[in-house]
PDB file of all heavy atoms in Angstrom:
ATOM      1  N   VAL A   1     153.778 -93.089-133.445  1.00  0.00           N
ATOM      2  CA  VAL A   1     154.025 -92.025-134.414  1.00  0.00           C
ATOM      3  C   VAL A   1     154.645 -90.782-133.793  1.00  0.00           C
ATOM      4  O   VAL A   1     155.049 -89.866-134.516  1.00  0.00           O
ATOM      5  CB  VAL A   1     152.735 -91.625-135.157  1.00  0.00           C
ATOM      6  CG1 VAL A   1     152.083 -92.842-135.792  1.00  0.00           C
ATOM      7  CG2 VAL A   1     151.766 -90.918-134.217  1.00  0.00           C
ATOM      8  N   LYS A   2     154.734 -90.743-132.490  1.00  0.00           N
ATOM      9  CA  LYS A   2     155.262 -89.576-131.797  1.00  0.00           C
ATOM     10  C   LYS A   2     156.681 -89.278-132.261  1.00  0.00           C
ATOM     11  O   LYS A   2     157.530 -90.157-132.315  1.00  0.00           O
ATOM     12  CB  LYS A   2     155.222 -89.791-130.291  1.00  0.00           C
ATOM     13  CG  LYS A   2     155.468 -88.530-129.486  1.00  0.00           C
ATOM     14  CD  LYS A   2     155.245 -88.776-128.000  1.00  0.00           C
ATOM     15  CE  LYS A   2     155.393 -87.500-127.198  1.00  0.00           C
ATOM     16  NZ  LYS A   2     155.141 -87.728-125.751  1.00  0.00           N
ATOM     17  N   GLY A   3     156.914 -88.017-132.580  1.00  0.00           N
ATOM     18  CA  GLY A   3     158.215 -87.606-133.072  1.00  0.00           C
ATOM     19  C   GLY A   3     158.335 -87.651-134.574  1.00  0.00           C
ATOM     20  O   GLY A   3     159.278 -87.084-135.143  1.00  0.00           O
ATOM     21  N   ARG A   4     157.402 -88.316-135.235  1.00  0.00           N
ATOM     22  CA  ARG A   4     157.410 -88.422-136.685  1.00  0.00           C
ATOM     23  C   ARG A   4     156.223 -87.718-137.331  1.00  0.00           C
ATOM     24  O   ARG A   4     156.350 -87.179-138.427  1.00  0.00           O
ATOM     25  CB  ARG A   4     157.408 -89.889-137.119  1.00  0.00           C
ATOM     26  CG  ARG A   4     158.619 -90.676-136.640  1.00  0.00           C
ATOM     27  CD  ARG A   4     158.651 -92.063-137.271  1.00  0.00           C
ATOM     28  NE  ARG A   4     157.490 -92.864-136.901  1.00  0.00           N
ATOM     29  CZ  ARG A   4     156.611 -93.356-137.767  1.00  0.00           C
ATOM     30  NH1 ARG A   4     156.762 -93.123-139.075  1.00  0.00           N
ATOM     31  NH2 ARG A   4     155.593 -94.085-137.349  1.00  0.00           N
ATOM     32  N   PHE A   5     155.089 -87.740-136.666  1.00  0.00           N
ATOM     33  CA  PHE A   5     153.865 -87.131-137.192  1.00  0.00           C
ATOM     34  C   PHE A   5     153.546 -85.855-136.434  1.00  0.00           C
ATOM     35  O   PHE A   5     153.799 -85.754-135.229  1.00  0.00           O
ATOM     36  CB  PHE A   5     152.675 -88.091-137.059  1.00  0.00           C
ATOM     37  CG  PHE A   5     152.732 -89.291-137.962  1.00  0.00           C
ATOM     38  CD1 PHE A   5     153.872 -89.608-138.681  1.00  0.00           C
ATOM     39  CD2 PHE A   5     151.616 -90.108-138.087  1.00  0.00           C
ATOM     40  CE1 PHE A   5     153.918 -90.720-139.507  1.00  0.00           C
ATOM     41  CE2 PHE A   5     151.643 -91.219-138.905  1.00  0.00           C
ATOM     42  CZ  PHE A   5     152.785 -91.526-139.617  1.00  0.00           C
ATOM     43  N   THR A   6     152.966 -84.890-137.127  1.00  0.00           N
ATOM     44  CA  THR A   6     152.581 -83.632-136.517  1.00  0.00           C
ATOM     45  C   THR A   6     151.189 -83.227-136.992  1.00  0.00           C
ATOM     46  O   THR A   6     150.927 -83.196-138.194  1.00  0.00           O
ATOM     47  CB  THR A   6     153.568 -82.511-136.867  1.00  0.00           C
ATOM     48  OG1 THR A   6     154.894 -82.891-136.486  1.00  0.00           O
ATOM     49  CG2 THR A   6     153.196 -81.229-136.121  1.00  0.00           C
ATOM     50  N   ILE A   7     150.317 -82.926-136.051  1.00  0.00           N
ATOM     51  CA  ILE A   7     148.968 -82.472-136.376  1.00  0.00           C
ATOM     52  C   ILE A   7     148.885 -80.961-136.211  1.00  0.00           C
ATOM     53  O   ILE A   7     149.334 -80.412-135.203  1.00  0.00           O
ATOM     54  CB  ILE A   7     147.915 -83.144-135.481  1.00  0.00           C
ATOM     55  CG1 ILE A   7     147.915 -84.660-135.703  1.00  0.00           C
ATOM     56  CG2 ILE A   7     146.521 -82.572-135.755  1.00  0.00           C
ATOM     57  CD1 ILE A   7     146.971 -85.405-134.780  1.00  0.00           C
ATOM     58  N   THR A   8     148.309 -80.309-137.191  1.00  0.00           N
ATOM     59  CA  THR A   8     148.058 -78.875-137.117  1.00  0.00           C
ATOM     60  C   THR A   8     146.635 -78.607-137.582  1.00  0.00           C
ATOM     61  O   THR A   8     145.980 -79.490-138.138  1.00  0.00           O
ATOM     62  CB  THR A   8     149.041 -78.072-137.984  1.00  0.00           C
ATOM     63  OG1 THR A   8     148.971 -78.521-139.342  1.00  0.00           O
ATOM     64  CG2 THR A   8     150.465 -78.243-137.476  1.00  0.00           C
ATOM     65  N   ARG A   9     146.162 -77.403-137.341  1.00  0.00           N
ATOM     66  CA  ARG A   9     144.828 -77.053-137.820  1.00  0.00           C
ATOM     67  C   ARG A   9     144.783 -75.595-138.237  1.00  0.00           C
ATOM     68  O   ARG A   9     145.582 -74.775-137.797  1.00  0.00           O
ATOM     69  CB  ARG A   9     143.757 -77.370-136.769  1.00  0.00           C
ATOM     70  CG  ARG A   9     143.362 -76.229-135.815  1.00  0.00           C
ATOM     71  CD  ARG A   9     144.440 -75.904-134.842  1.00  0.00           C
ATOM     72  NE  ARG A   9     143.937 -75.152-133.689  1.00  0.00           N
ATOM     73  CZ  ARG A   9     144.652 -74.250-133.034  1.00  0.00           C
ATOM     74  NH1 ARG A   9     145.914 -73.997-133.402  1.00  0.00           N
ATOM     75  NH2 ARG A   9     144.121 -73.626-131.987  1.00  0.00           N
ATOM     76  N   ASP A  10     143.835 -75.292-139.094  1.00  0.00           N
ATOM     77  CA  ASP A  10     143.556 -73.940-139.530  1.00  0.00           C
ATOM     78  C   ASP A  10     142.092 -73.690-139.210  1.00  0.00           C
ATOM     79  O   ASP A  10     141.212 -74.123-139.946  1.00  0.00           O
ATOM     80  CB  ASP A  10     143.835 -73.773-141.027  1.00  0.00           C
ATOM     81  CG  ASP A  10     143.740 -72.330-141.482  1.00  0.00           C
ATOM     82  OD1 ASP A  10     142.968 -71.556-140.884  1.00  0.00           O
ATOM     83  OD2 ASP A  10     144.438 -71.974-142.448  1.00  0.00           O
ATOM     84  N   ASN A  11     141.840 -73.013-138.110  1.00  0.00           N
ATOM     85  CA  ASN A  11     140.472 -72.801-137.656  1.00  0.00           C
ATOM     86  C   ASN A  11     139.628 -72.045-138.684  1.00  0.00           C
ATOM     87  O   ASN A  11     138.455 -72.356-138.879  1.00  0.00           O
ATOM     88  CB  ASN A  11     140.463 -72.033-136.336  1.00  0.00           C
ATOM     89  CG  ASN A  11     141.208 -72.756-135.234  1.00  0.00           C
ATOM     90  OD1 ASN A  11     142.409 -73.008-135.342  1.00  0.00           O
ATOM     91  ND2 ASN A  11     140.507 -73.077-134.158  1.00  0.00           N
ATOM     92  N   ALA A  12     140.226 -71.060-139.329  1.00  0.00           N
ATOM     93  CA  ALA A  12     139.493 -70.260-140.299  1.00  0.00           C
ATOM     94  C   ALA A  12     139.050 -71.087-141.502  1.00  0.00           C
ATOM     95  O   ALA A  12     138.027 -70.802-142.120  1.00  0.00           O
ATOM     96  CB  ALA A  12     140.334 -69.078-140.761  1.00  0.00           C
ATOM     97  N   LYS A  13     139.815 -72.107-141.829  1.00  0.00           N
ATOM     98  CA  LYS A  13     139.503 -72.947-142.981  1.00  0.00           C
ATOM     99  C   LYS A  13     138.808 -74.244-142.594  1.00  0.00           C
ATOM    100  O   LYS A  13     138.527 -75.076-143.456  1.00  0.00           O
ATOM    101  CB  LYS A  13     140.777 -73.262-143.758  1.00  0.00           C
ATOM    102  CG  LYS A  13     141.434 -72.047-144.382  1.00  0.00           C
ATOM    103  CD  LYS A  13     142.671 -72.435-145.171  1.00  0.00           C
ATOM    104  CE  LYS A  13     143.309 -71.222-145.822  1.00  0.00           C
ATOM    105  NZ  LYS A  13     144.526 -71.582-146.591  1.00  0.00           N
ATOM    106  N   ASN A  14     138.559 -74.409-141.296  1.00  0.00           N
ATOM    107  CA  ASN A  14     137.928 -75.640-140.802  1.00  0.00           C
ATOM    108  C   ASN A  14     138.669 -76.874-141.304  1.00  0.00           C
ATOM    109  O   ASN A  14     138.061 -77.846-141.766  1.00  0.00           O
ATOM    110  CB  ASN A  14     136.455 -75.702-141.210  1.00  0.00           C
ATOM    111  CG  ASN A  14     135.608 -74.682-140.483  1.00  0.00           C
ATOM    112  OD1 ASN A  14     135.955 -74.217-139.396  1.00  0.00           O
ATOM    113  ND2 ASN A  14     134.470 -74.326-141.070  1.00  0.00           N
ATOM    114  N   SER A  15     139.977 -76.800-141.209  1.00  0.00           N
ATOM    115  CA  SER A  15     140.804 -77.884-141.724  1.00  0.00           C
ATOM    116  C   SER A  15     141.816 -78.349-140.694  1.00  0.00           C
ATOM    117  O   SER A  15     142.277 -77.575-139.860  1.00  0.00           O
ATOM    118  CB  SER A  15     141.543 -77.447-142.990  1.00  0.00           C
ATOM    119  OG  SER A  15     140.639 -77.122-144.026  1.00  0.00           O
ATOM    120  N   VAL A  16     142.156 -79.603-140.781  1.00  0.00           N
ATOM    121  CA  VAL A  16     143.185 -80.185-139.935  1.00  0.00           C
ATOM    122  C   VAL A  16     144.140 -80.954-140.835  1.00  0.00           C
ATOM    123  O   VAL A  16     143.735 -81.491-141.871  1.00  0.00           O
ATOM    124  CB  VAL A  16     142.575 -81.096-138.842  1.00  0.00           C
ATOM    125  CG1 VAL A  16     141.866 -82.297-139.466  1.00  0.00           C
ATOM    126  CG2 VAL A  16     143.645 -81.542-137.862  1.00  0.00           C
ATOM    127  N   TYR A  17     145.404 -80.995-140.435  1.00  0.00           N
ATOM    128  CA  TYR A  17     146.428 -81.593-141.271  1.00  0.00           C
ATOM    129  C   TYR A  17     147.243 -82.600-140.472  1.00  0.00           C
ATOM    130  O   TYR A  17     147.403 -82.479-139.262  1.00  0.00           O
ATOM    131  CB  TYR A  17     147.356 -80.518-141.830  1.00  0.00           C
ATOM    132  CG  TYR A  17     146.616 -79.383-142.486  1.00  0.00           C
ATOM    133  CD1 TYR A  17     146.287 -78.239-141.764  1.00  0.00           C
ATOM    134  CD2 TYR A  17     146.225 -79.460-143.819  1.00  0.00           C
ATOM    135  CE1 TYR A  17     145.595 -77.199-142.359  1.00  0.00           C
ATOM    136  CE2 TYR A  17     145.530 -78.432-144.418  1.00  0.00           C
ATOM    137  CZ  TYR A  17     145.218 -77.301-143.692  1.00  0.00           C
ATOM    138  OH  TYR A  17     144.526 -76.273-144.287  1.00  0.00           O
ATOM    139  N   LEU A  18     147.769 -83.564-141.177  1.00  0.00           N
ATOM    140  CA  LEU A  18     148.650 -84.552-140.570  1.00  0.00           C
ATOM    141  C   LEU A  18     149.922 -84.612-141.400  1.00  0.00           C
ATOM    142  O   LEU A  18     149.917 -85.133-142.511  1.00  0.00           O
ATOM    143  CB  LEU A  18     147.987 -85.928-140.517  1.00  0.00           C
ATOM    144  CG  LEU A  18     148.834 -87.042-139.888  1.00  0.00           C
ATOM    145  CD1 LEU A  18     149.064 -86.761-138.405  1.00  0.00           C
ATOM    146  CD2 LEU A  18     148.157 -88.399-140.071  1.00  0.00           C
ATOM    147  N   GLN A  19     150.983 -84.047-140.857  1.00  0.00           N
ATOM    148  CA  GLN A  19     152.283 -84.103-141.505  1.00  0.00           C
ATOM    149  C   GLN A  19     152.983 -85.364-141.050  1.00  0.00           C
ATOM    150  O   GLN A  19     153.211 -85.557-139.858  1.00  0.00           O
ATOM    151  CB  GLN A  19     153.122 -82.874-141.144  1.00  0.00           C
ATOM    152  CG  GLN A  19     154.530 -82.881-141.721  1.00  0.00           C
ATOM    153  CD  GLN A  19     154.546 -82.769-143.229  1.00  0.00           C
ATOM    154  OE1 GLN A  19     153.795 -81.983-143.804  1.00  0.00           O
ATOM    155  NE2 GLN A  19     155.396 -83.556-143.880  1.00  0.00           N
ATOM    156  N   MET A  20     153.319 -86.223-141.984  1.00  0.00           N
ATOM    157  CA  MET A  20     153.947 -87.494-141.680  1.00  0.00           C
ATOM    158  C   MET A  20     155.360 -87.502-142.244  1.00  0.00           C
ATOM    159  O   MET A  20     155.555 -87.407-143.454  1.00  0.00           O
ATOM    160  CB  MET A  20     153.133 -88.651-142.259  1.00  0.00           C
ATOM    161  CG  MET A  20     151.683 -88.667-141.787  1.00  0.00           C
ATOM    162  SD  MET A  20     150.753 -90.096-142.416  1.00  0.00           S
ATOM    163  CE  MET A  20     150.682 -89.669-144.157  1.00  0.00           C
ATOM    164  N   ASP A  21     156.325 -87.609-141.358  1.00  0.00           N
ATOM    165  CA  ASP A  21     157.729 -87.641-141.750  1.00  0.00           C
ATOM    166  C   ASP A  21     158.349 -88.971-141.360  1.00  0.00           C
ATOM    167  O   ASP A  21     157.849 -89.669-140.478  1.00  0.00           O
ATOM    168  CB  ASP A  21     158.496 -86.502-141.076  1.00  0.00           C
ATOM    169  CG  ASP A  21     158.026 -85.130-141.486  1.00  0.00           C
ATOM    170  OD1 ASP A  21     157.732 -84.931-142.682  1.00  0.00           O
ATOM    171  OD2 ASP A  21     157.952 -84.238-140.609  1.00  0.00           O
ATOM    172  N   ASN A  22     159.445 -89.300-142.020  1.00  0.00           N
ATOM    173  CA  ASN A  22     160.145 -90.556-141.757  1.00  0.00           C
ATOM    174  C   ASN A  22     159.180 -91.737-141.755  1.00  0.00           C
ATOM    175  O   ASN A  22     159.139 -92.539-140.826  1.00  0.00           O
ATOM    176  CB  ASN A  22     160.888 -90.473-140.423  1.00  0.00           C
ATOM    177  CG  ASN A  22     161.848 -91.626-140.210  1.00  0.00           C
ATOM    178  OD1 ASN A  22     162.319 -92.245-141.163  1.00  0.00           O
ATOM    179  ND2 ASN A  22     162.131 -91.931-138.949  1.00  0.00           N
ATOM    180  N   LEU A  23     158.416 -91.827-142.810  1.00  0.00           N
ATOM    181  CA  LEU A  23     157.408 -92.876-142.909  1.00  0.00           C
ATOM    182  C   LEU A  23     158.027 -94.262-142.959  1.00  0.00           C
ATOM    183  O   LEU A  23     159.110 -94.459-143.512  1.00  0.00           O
ATOM    184  CB  LEU A  23     156.538 -92.649-144.137  1.00  0.00           C
ATOM    185  CG  LEU A  23     155.493 -91.539-143.975  1.00  0.00           C
ATOM    186  CD1 LEU A  23     154.995 -91.063-145.323  1.00  0.00           C
ATOM    187  CD2 LEU A  23     154.339 -92.037-143.115  1.00  0.00           C
ATOM    188  N   LYS A  24     157.316 -95.202-142.373  1.00  0.00           N
ATOM    189  CA  LYS A  24     157.739 -96.587-142.324  1.00  0.00           C
ATOM    190  C   LYS A  24     156.690 -97.468-142.996  1.00  0.00           C
ATOM    191  O   LYS A  24     155.517 -97.088-143.059  1.00  0.00           O
ATOM    192  CB  LYS A  24     157.923 -97.034-140.871  1.00  0.00           C
ATOM    193  CG  LYS A  24     158.903 -96.189-140.073  1.00  0.00           C
ATOM    194  CD  LYS A  24     158.938 -96.629-138.624  1.00  0.00           C
ATOM    195  CE  LYS A  24     159.910 -95.784-137.818  1.00  0.00           C
ATOM    196  NZ  LYS A  24     159.952 -96.201-136.397  1.00  0.00           N
ATOM    197  N   PRO A  25     157.080 -98.633-143.481  1.00  0.00           N
ATOM    198  CA  PRO A  25     156.096 -99.523-144.105  1.00  0.00           C
ATOM    199  C   PRO A  25     154.911 -99.835-143.192  1.00  0.00           C
ATOM    200  O   PRO A  25     153.787 -99.992-143.677  1.00  0.00           O
ATOM    201  CB  PRO A  25     156.913-100.788-144.405  1.00  0.00           C
ATOM    202  CG  PRO A  25     158.286-100.270-144.644  1.00  0.00           C
ATOM    203  CD  PRO A  25     158.453 -99.153-143.640  1.00  0.00           C
ATOM    204  N   GLU A  26     155.131 -99.903-141.893  1.00  0.00           N
ATOM    205  CA  GLU A  26     154.056-100.180-140.964  1.00  0.00           C
ATOM    206  C   GLU A  26     153.067 -99.032-140.818  1.00  0.00           C
ATOM    207  O   GLU A  26     152.033 -99.177-140.163  1.00  0.00           O
ATOM    208  CB  GLU A  26     154.603-100.570-139.576  1.00  0.00           C
ATOM    209  CG  GLU A  26     155.657 -99.616-139.043  1.00  0.00           C
ATOM    210  CD  GLU A  26     157.072-100.102-139.309  1.00  0.00           C
ATOM    211  OE1 GLU A  26     157.356-100.555-140.428  1.00  0.00           O
ATOM    212  OE2 GLU A  26     157.901-100.040-138.378  1.00  0.00           O
ATOM    213  N   ASP A  27     153.370 -97.895-141.423  1.00  0.00           N
ATOM    214  CA  ASP A  27     152.431 -96.783-141.445  1.00  0.00           C
ATOM    215  C   ASP A  27     151.387 -96.949-142.540  1.00  0.00           C
ATOM    216  O   ASP A  27     150.437 -96.167-142.607  1.00  0.00           O
ATOM    217  CB  ASP A  27     153.161 -95.454-141.654  1.00  0.00           C
ATOM    218  CG  ASP A  27     154.063 -95.091-140.483  1.00  0.00           C
ATOM    219  OD1 ASP A  27     153.651 -95.292-139.325  1.00  0.00           O
ATOM    220  OD2 ASP A  27     155.177 -94.590-140.733  1.00  0.00           O
ATOM    221  N   THR A  28     151.570 -97.931-143.391  1.00  0.00           N
ATOM    222  CA  THR A  28     150.629 -98.180-144.473  1.00  0.00           C
ATOM    223  C   THR A  28     149.246 -98.481-143.915  1.00  0.00           C
ATOM    224  O   THR A  28     149.070 -99.390-143.111  1.00  0.00           O
ATOM    225  CB  THR A  28     151.098 -99.348-145.347  1.00  0.00           C
ATOM    226  OG1 THR A  28     152.329 -98.994-145.992  1.00  0.00           O
ATOM    227  CG2 THR A  28     150.059 -99.678-146.412  1.00  0.00           C
ATOM    228  N   ALA A  29     148.271 -97.702-144.336  1.00  0.00           N
ATOM    229  CA  ALA A  29     146.908 -97.848-143.832  1.00  0.00           C
ATOM    230  C   ALA A  29     146.004 -96.845-144.531  1.00  0.00           C
ATOM    231  O   ALA A  29     146.468 -95.955-145.238  1.00  0.00           O
ATOM    232  CB  ALA A  29     146.863 -97.614-142.317  1.00  0.00           C
ATOM    233  N   VAL A  30     144.723 -97.010-144.302  1.00  0.00           N
ATOM    234  CA  VAL A  30     143.767 -95.978-144.681  1.00  0.00           C
ATOM    235  C   VAL A  30     143.667 -95.026-143.505  1.00  0.00           C
ATOM    236  O   VAL A  30     143.417 -95.448-142.371  1.00  0.00           O
ATOM    237  CB  VAL A  30     142.381 -96.560-145.011  1.00  0.00           C
ATOM    238  CG1 VAL A  30     141.390 -95.434-145.308  1.00  0.00           C
ATOM    239  CG2 VAL A  30     142.478 -97.504-146.204  1.00  0.00           C
ATOM    240  N   TYR A  31     143.864 -93.757-143.755  1.00  0.00           N
ATOM    241  CA  TYR A  31     143.842 -92.755-142.704  1.00  0.00           C
ATOM    242  C   TYR A  31     142.517 -92.007-142.710  1.00  0.00           C
ATOM    243  O   TYR A  31     142.053 -91.549-143.755  1.00  0.00           O
ATOM    244  CB  TYR A  31     144.996 -91.776-142.883  1.00  0.00           C
ATOM    245  CG  TYR A  31     146.318 -92.353-142.444  1.00  0.00           C
ATOM    246  CD1 TYR A  31     146.930 -93.359-143.180  1.00  0.00           C
ATOM    247  CD2 TYR A  31     146.941 -91.913-141.278  1.00  0.00           C
ATOM    248  CE1 TYR A  31     148.126 -93.914-142.771  1.00  0.00           C
ATOM    249  CE2 TYR A  31     148.139 -92.456-140.865  1.00  0.00           C
ATOM    250  CZ  TYR A  31     148.732 -93.455-141.610  1.00  0.00           C
ATOM    251  OH  TYR A  31     149.931 -93.990-141.194  1.00  0.00           O
ATOM    252  N   TYR A  32     141.930 -91.885-141.529  1.00  0.00           N
ATOM    253  CA  TYR A  32     140.628 -91.252-141.372  1.00  0.00           C
ATOM    254  C   TYR A  32     140.715 -90.020-140.483  1.00  0.00           C
ATOM    255  O   TYR A  32     141.394 -90.024-139.460  1.00  0.00           O
ATOM    256  CB  TYR A  32     139.624 -92.216-140.743  1.00  0.00           C
ATOM    257  CG  TYR A  32     139.338 -93.453-141.563  1.00  0.00           C
ATOM    258  CD1 TYR A  32     140.078 -94.616-141.382  1.00  0.00           C
ATOM    259  CD2 TYR A  32     138.321 -93.450-142.507  1.00  0.00           C
ATOM    260  CE1 TYR A  32     139.819 -95.751-142.128  1.00  0.00           C
ATOM    261  CE2 TYR A  32     138.051 -94.582-143.254  1.00  0.00           C
ATOM    262  CZ  TYR A  32     138.801 -95.732-143.063  1.00  0.00           C
ATOM    263  OH  TYR A  32     138.535 -96.861-143.798  1.00  0.00           O
ATOM    264  N   CYS A  33     140.000 -89.007-140.867  1.00  0.00           N
ATOM    265  CA  CYS A  33     139.841 -87.806-140.058  1.00  0.00           C
ATOM    266  C   CYS A  33     138.534 -87.923-139.285  1.00  0.00           C
ATOM    267  O   CYS A  33     137.541 -88.441-139.802  1.00  0.00           O
ATOM    268  CB  CYS A  33     139.818 -86.578-140.969  1.00  0.00           C
ATOM    269  SG  CYS A  33     139.504 -85.011-140.127  1.00  0.00           S
ATOM    270  N   ALA A  34     138.527 -87.462-138.044  1.00  0.00           N
ATOM    271  CA  ALA A  34     137.331 -87.549-137.216  1.00  0.00           C
ATOM    272  C   ALA A  34     137.154 -86.285-136.392  1.00  0.00           C
ATOM    273  O   ALA A  34     138.125 -85.607-136.052  1.00  0.00           O
ATOM    274  CB  ALA A  34     137.413 -88.766-136.292  1.00  0.00           C
ATOM    275  N   SER A  35     135.905 -85.999-136.052  1.00  0.00           N
ATOM    276  CA  SER A  35     135.564 -84.823-135.263  1.00  0.00           C
ATOM    277  C   SER A  35     134.643 -85.205-134.114  1.00  0.00           C
ATOM    278  O   SER A  35     133.691 -85.958-134.300  1.00  0.00           O
ATOM    279  CB  SER A  35     134.880 -83.771-136.140  1.00  0.00           C
ATOM    280  OG  SER A  35     134.433 -82.668-135.369  1.00  0.00           O
ATOM    281  N   GLY A  36     134.924 -84.665-132.930  1.00  0.00           N
ATOM    282  CA  GLY A  36     134.107 -84.930-131.763  1.00  0.00           C
ATOM    283  C   GLY A  36     133.939 -83.692-130.908  1.00  0.00           C
ATOM    284  O   GLY A  36     134.743 -82.760-130.977  1.00  0.00           O
ATOM    285  N   ASN A  37     132.907 -83.693-130.090  1.00  0.00           N
ATOM    286  CA  ASN A  37     132.591 -82.534-129.259  1.00  0.00           C
ATOM    287  C   ASN A  37     132.932 -82.740-127.792  1.00  0.00           C
ATOM    288  O   ASN A  37     132.424 -82.034-126.933  1.00  0.00           O
ATOM    289  CB  ASN A  37     131.111 -82.174-129.407  1.00  0.00           C
ATOM    290  CG  ASN A  37     130.788 -81.625-130.776  1.00  0.00           C
ATOM    291  OD1 ASN A  37     131.588 -80.895-131.356  1.00  0.00           O
ATOM    292  ND2 ASN A  37     129.618 -81.974-131.296  1.00  0.00           N
ATOM    293  N   SER A  38     133.799 -83.666-127.517  1.00  0.00           N
ATOM    294  CA  SER A  38     134.217 -83.935-126.153  1.00  0.00           C
ATOM    295  C   SER A  38     135.730 -84.023-126.079  1.00  0.00           C
ATOM    296  O   SER A  38     136.395 -84.376-127.053  1.00  0.00           O
ATOM    297  CB  SER A  38     133.600 -85.236-125.643  1.00  0.00           C
ATOM    298  OG  SER A  38     134.111 -85.558-124.356  1.00  0.00           O
ATOM    299  N   GLY A  39     136.257 -83.686-124.914  1.00  0.00           N
ATOM    300  CA  GLY A  39     137.687 -83.790-124.707  1.00  0.00           C
ATOM    301  C   GLY A  39     138.083 -85.042-123.958  1.00  0.00           C
ATOM    302  O   GLY A  39     139.262 -85.296-123.734  1.00  0.00           O
ATOM    303  N   THR A  40     137.103 -85.840-123.595  1.00  0.00           N
ATOM    304  CA  THR A  40     137.330 -87.062-122.849  1.00  0.00           C
ATOM    305  C   THR A  40     137.617 -88.226-123.782  1.00  0.00           C
ATOM    306  O   THR A  40     136.941 -88.399-124.797  1.00  0.00           O
ATOM    307  CB  THR A  40     136.109 -87.399-121.980  1.00  0.00           C
ATOM    308  OG1 THR A  40     135.793 -86.274-121.158  1.00  0.00           O
ATOM    309  CG2 THR A  40     136.392 -88.598-121.095  1.00  0.00           C
ATOM    310  N   TYR A  41     138.593 -89.011-123.446  1.00  0.00           N
ATOM    311  CA  TYR A  41     138.964 -90.197-124.218  1.00  0.00           C
ATOM    312  C   TYR A  41     139.163 -89.876-125.700  1.00  0.00           C
ATOM    313  O   TYR A  41     138.560 -90.494-126.585  1.00  0.00           O
ATOM    314  CB  TYR A  41     137.920 -91.296-124.041  1.00  0.00           C
ATOM    315  CG  TYR A  41     137.741 -91.720-122.600  1.00  0.00           C
ATOM    316  CD1 TYR A  41     136.541 -91.509-121.933  1.00  0.00           C
ATOM    317  CD2 TYR A  41     138.789 -92.322-121.909  1.00  0.00           C
ATOM    318  CE1 TYR A  41     136.400 -91.886-120.604  1.00  0.00           C
ATOM    319  CE2 TYR A  41     138.644 -92.702-120.581  1.00  0.00           C
ATOM    320  CZ  TYR A  41     137.454 -92.488-119.940  1.00  0.00           C
ATOM    321  OH  TYR A  41     137.313 -92.871-118.624  1.00  0.00           O
ATOM    322  N   TYR A  42     140.007 -88.932-125.953  1.00  0.00           N
ATOM    323  CA  TYR A  42     140.275 -88.469-127.310  1.00  0.00           C
ATOM    324  C   TYR A  42     140.877 -89.550-128.188  1.00  0.00           C
ATOM    325  O   TYR A  42     140.863 -89.448-129.415  1.00  0.00           O
ATOM    326  CB  TYR A  42     141.208 -87.253-127.286  1.00  0.00           C
ATOM    327  CG  TYR A  42     142.511 -87.524-126.566  1.00  0.00           C
ATOM    328  CD1 TYR A  42     143.586 -88.093-127.229  1.00  0.00           C
ATOM    329  CD2 TYR A  42     142.656 -87.209-125.219  1.00  0.00           C
ATOM    330  CE1 TYR A  42     144.773 -88.348-126.566  1.00  0.00           C
ATOM    331  CE2 TYR A  42     143.837 -87.460-124.549  1.00  0.00           C
ATOM    332  CZ  TYR A  42     144.894 -88.035-125.231  1.00  0.00           C
ATOM    333  OH  TYR A  42     146.078 -88.288-124.570  1.00  0.00           O
ATOM    334  N   TYR A  43     141.435 -90.576-127.572  1.00  0.00           N
ATOM    335  CA  TYR A  43     142.086 -91.659-128.294  1.00  0.00           C
ATOM    336  C   TYR A  43     141.143 -92.808-128.625  1.00  0.00           C
ATOM    337  O   TYR A  43     141.573 -93.813-129.198  1.00  0.00           O
ATOM    338  CB  TYR A  43     143.272 -92.198-127.484  1.00  0.00           C
ATOM    339  CG  TYR A  43     142.934 -92.487-126.038  1.00  0.00           C
ATOM    340  CD1 TYR A  43     142.396 -93.710-125.663  1.00  0.00           C
ATOM    341  CD2 TYR A  43     143.143 -91.517-125.059  1.00  0.00           C
ATOM    342  CE1 TYR A  43     142.074 -93.965-124.340  1.00  0.00           C
ATOM    343  CE2 TYR A  43     142.829 -91.761-123.734  1.00  0.00           C
ATOM    344  CZ  TYR A  43     142.288 -92.986-123.381  1.00  0.00           C
ATOM    345  OH  TYR A  43     141.978 -93.234-122.071  1.00  0.00           O
ATOM    346  N   GLU A  44     139.863 -92.660-128.280  1.00  0.00           N
ATOM    347  CA  GLU A  44     138.875 -93.703-128.523  1.00  0.00           C
ATOM    348  C   GLU A  44     137.952 -93.312-129.667  1.00  0.00           C
ATOM    349  O   GLU A  44     137.365 -92.236-129.673  1.00  0.00           O
ATOM    350  CB  GLU A  44     138.051 -93.971-127.265  1.00  0.00           C
ATOM    351  CG  GLU A  44     138.860 -94.528-126.097  1.00  0.00           C
ATOM    352  CD  GLU A  44     139.279 -95.970-126.315  1.00  0.00           C
ATOM    353  OE1 GLU A  44     138.753 -96.611-127.240  1.00  0.00           O
ATOM    354  OE2 GLU A  44     140.138 -96.461-125.557  1.00  0.00           O
TER     355      GLU A  44
END
């Protein structure tokens, strides 16, 4: 998704956003938001 998707956040609103551009059929999925208290293995 690199180059097509952009993540931003609004700390005051406790919100995070996922801007998805140039979408492809393979992007079809259920998308989940997650929160963690560690910076290790952020991709897991």
